Amino acid sequence: MNLGGDYQSLVIQGKEFISTYQAVLRDESGSNSTSPAQRHFCSHCGSALWLWDPRWPDLVHPFASAIDTELPIPPERTHVMLAFAKPWVEPDIRAGDNQFDEYPDESLAEWHQRHNL
């Protein structure tokens, strides 16, 4: 699971142990290009840390497993892309959770603004 955050809030310790990977993309014609998205990993153990994309420079997407500070419990939960869940995935949907087959109309930033976060 990855999270969305304000890139300016990202604090990194141990920068010398971080590697970056940019995926090679193949289009319909078979031509290759490099994704501008930068996936950051620990160069020692390979743990995924965060993704940053220059197309959206104000955003950062850390992997939840890489967060080492306490985060608040969200006031509500939203499950997206449920139409594409594999049959073996059992979403933990609870009473009051929002559910969407694809993406909701509300952006992540709008969700945070609505909850004054």
Protein backbone atom coordinates (compact mmCIF):
# COMPACT_ATOMS: atom_id res chain seq x y z
CA MET A 1 0.00 0.00 0.00
CA ASN A 2 1.29 3.43 -0.79
CA LEU A 3 0.10 6.74 0.59
CA GLY A 4 -0.17 10.22 -0.85
CA GLY A 5 1.62 13.11 0.78
CA ASP A 6 3.06 16.57 0.41
CA TYR A 7 6.57 16.18 -1.05
CA GLN A 8 7.84 19.08 1.08
CA SER A 9 7.01 17.06 4.22
CA LEU A 10 9.27 14.14 3.26
CA VAL A 11 12.21 13.78 5.67
CA ILE A 12 14.94 11.35 4.62
CA GLN A 13 17.68 9.86 6.77
CA GLY A 14 20.40 7.72 5.20
CA LYS A 15 20.23 9.18 1.68
CA GLU A 16 23.45 7.34 0.84
CA PHE A 17 21.54 4.03 1.09
CA ILE A 18 18.81 4.95 -1.40
CA SER A 19 18.64 3.73 -5.00
CA THR A 20 16.27 4.97 -7.66
CA TYR A 21 14.60 2.95 -10.41
CA GLN A 22 12.73 4.24 -13.44
CA ALA A 23 10.66 1.65 -15.31
CA VAL A 24 11.15 1.00 -19.00
CA LEU A 25 7.81 1.31 -20.78
CA ARG A 26 6.91 -0.29 -24.09
CA ASP A 27 4.20 1.30 -26.22
CA GLU A 28 1.89 -0.44 -28.71
CA SER A 29 4.44 -0.09 -31.51
CA GLY A 30 7.09 -1.85 -29.44
CA SER A 31 9.15 1.29 -28.81
CA ASN A 32 10.69 1.70 -25.36
CA SER A 33 10.77 4.81 -23.21
CA THR A 34 11.73 5.49 -19.61
CA SER A 35 9.03 6.43 -17.13
CA PRO A 36 9.64 9.79 -15.46
CA ALA A 37 8.35 8.30 -12.16
CA GLN A 38 11.21 7.62 -9.74
CA ARG A 39 10.82 4.62 -7.43
CA HIS A 40 13.10 4.80 -4.40
CA PHE A 41 14.44 1.68 -2.66
CA CYS A 42 16.89 0.75 0.06
CA SER A 43 20.11 -0.18 -1.76
CA HIS A 44 20.92 -2.82 0.89
CA CYS A 45 17.68 -4.77 1.35
CA GLY A 46 15.55 -3.67 -1.60
CA SER A 47 12.64 -2.37 0.50
CA ALA A 48 10.35 -0.06 -1.46
CA LEU A 49 10.36 3.41 0.14
CA TRP A 50 8.54 5.96 -2.00
CA LEU A 51 7.61 7.04 -5.50
CA TRP A 52 8.04 10.59 -6.80
CA ASP A 53 7.05 11.80 -10.26
CA PRO A 54 8.18 15.14 -11.75
CA ARG A 55 4.81 15.42 -13.52
CA TRP A 56 3.30 16.00 -10.05
CA PRO A 57 6.25 17.52 -8.15
CA ASP A 58 4.26 18.52 -5.05
CA LEU A 59 3.25 14.91 -4.32
CA VAL A 60 5.12 11.96 -2.86
CA HIS A 61 3.82 8.41 -2.49
CA PRO A 62 5.55 6.61 0.38
CA PHE A 63 4.92 2.93 0.95
CA ALA A 64 3.05 2.46 4.23
CA SER A 65 5.67 -0.06 5.35
CA ALA A 66 8.36 2.65 5.16
CA ILE A 67 6.61 5.11 7.48
CA ASP A 68 8.30 5.14 10.88
CA THR A 69 6.29 7.92 12.53
CA GLU A 70 2.81 7.70 14.00
CA LEU A 71 0.00 8.68 11.66
CA PRO A 72 -3.52 9.71 12.73
CA ILE A 73 -6.38 7.26 12.36
CA PRO A 74 -8.39 8.46 9.35
CA PRO A 75 -11.93 9.70 10.00
CA GLU A 76 -13.19 7.44 7.20
CA ARG A 77 -11.79 4.85 4.81
CA THR A 78 -12.10 4.73 1.04
CA HIS A 79 -11.61 1.61 -1.08
CA VAL A 80 -10.91 2.27 -4.78
CA MET A 81 -10.52 0.16 -7.93
CA LEU A 82 -12.57 -2.68 -6.41
CA ALA A 83 -13.71 -3.78 -9.89
CA PHE A 84 -10.10 -4.79 -10.56
CA ALA A 85 -9.46 -6.70 -7.31
CA LYS A 86 -8.24 -10.24 -7.81
CA PRO A 87 -10.66 -12.97 -6.70
CA TRP A 88 -8.30 -14.00 -3.91
CA VAL A 89 -8.27 -10.46 -2.42
CA GLU A 90 -10.77 -9.91 0.39
CA PRO A 91 -11.00 -6.16 1.06
CA ASP A 92 -11.44 -5.23 4.71
CA ILE A 93 -14.59 -3.18 4.13
CA ARG A 94 -16.29 -2.01 7.30
CA ALA A 95 -19.59 -0.26 7.97
CA GLY A 96 -19.39 3.34 6.77
CA ASP A 97 -16.44 2.77 4.42
CA ASN A 98 -16.64 4.38 0.98
CA GLN A 99 -16.40 1.94 -1.94
CA PHE A 100 -15.67 2.62 -5.61
CA ASP A 101 -15.29 0.26 -8.56
CA GLU A 102 -12.82 2.73 -10.06
CA TYR A 103 -11.61 6.12 -8.77
CA PRO A 104 -13.96 8.51 -6.92
CA ASP A 105 -14.65 11.99 -8.26
CA GLU A 106 -13.06 13.46 -5.12
CA SER A 107 -9.25 13.77 -5.28
CA LEU A 108 -6.97 12.81 -2.41
CA ALA A 109 -6.31 16.51 -1.75
CA GLU A 110 -10.06 17.27 -1.71
CA TRP A 111 -10.63 14.41 0.75
CA HIS A 112 -8.02 15.91 3.09
CA GLN A 113 -9.52 19.40 2.74
CA ARG A 114 -13.01 18.06 3.51
CA HIS A 115 -11.68 16.57 6.75
CA ASN A 116 -9.53 19.61 7.61
CA LEU A 117 -6.37 17.49 7.53
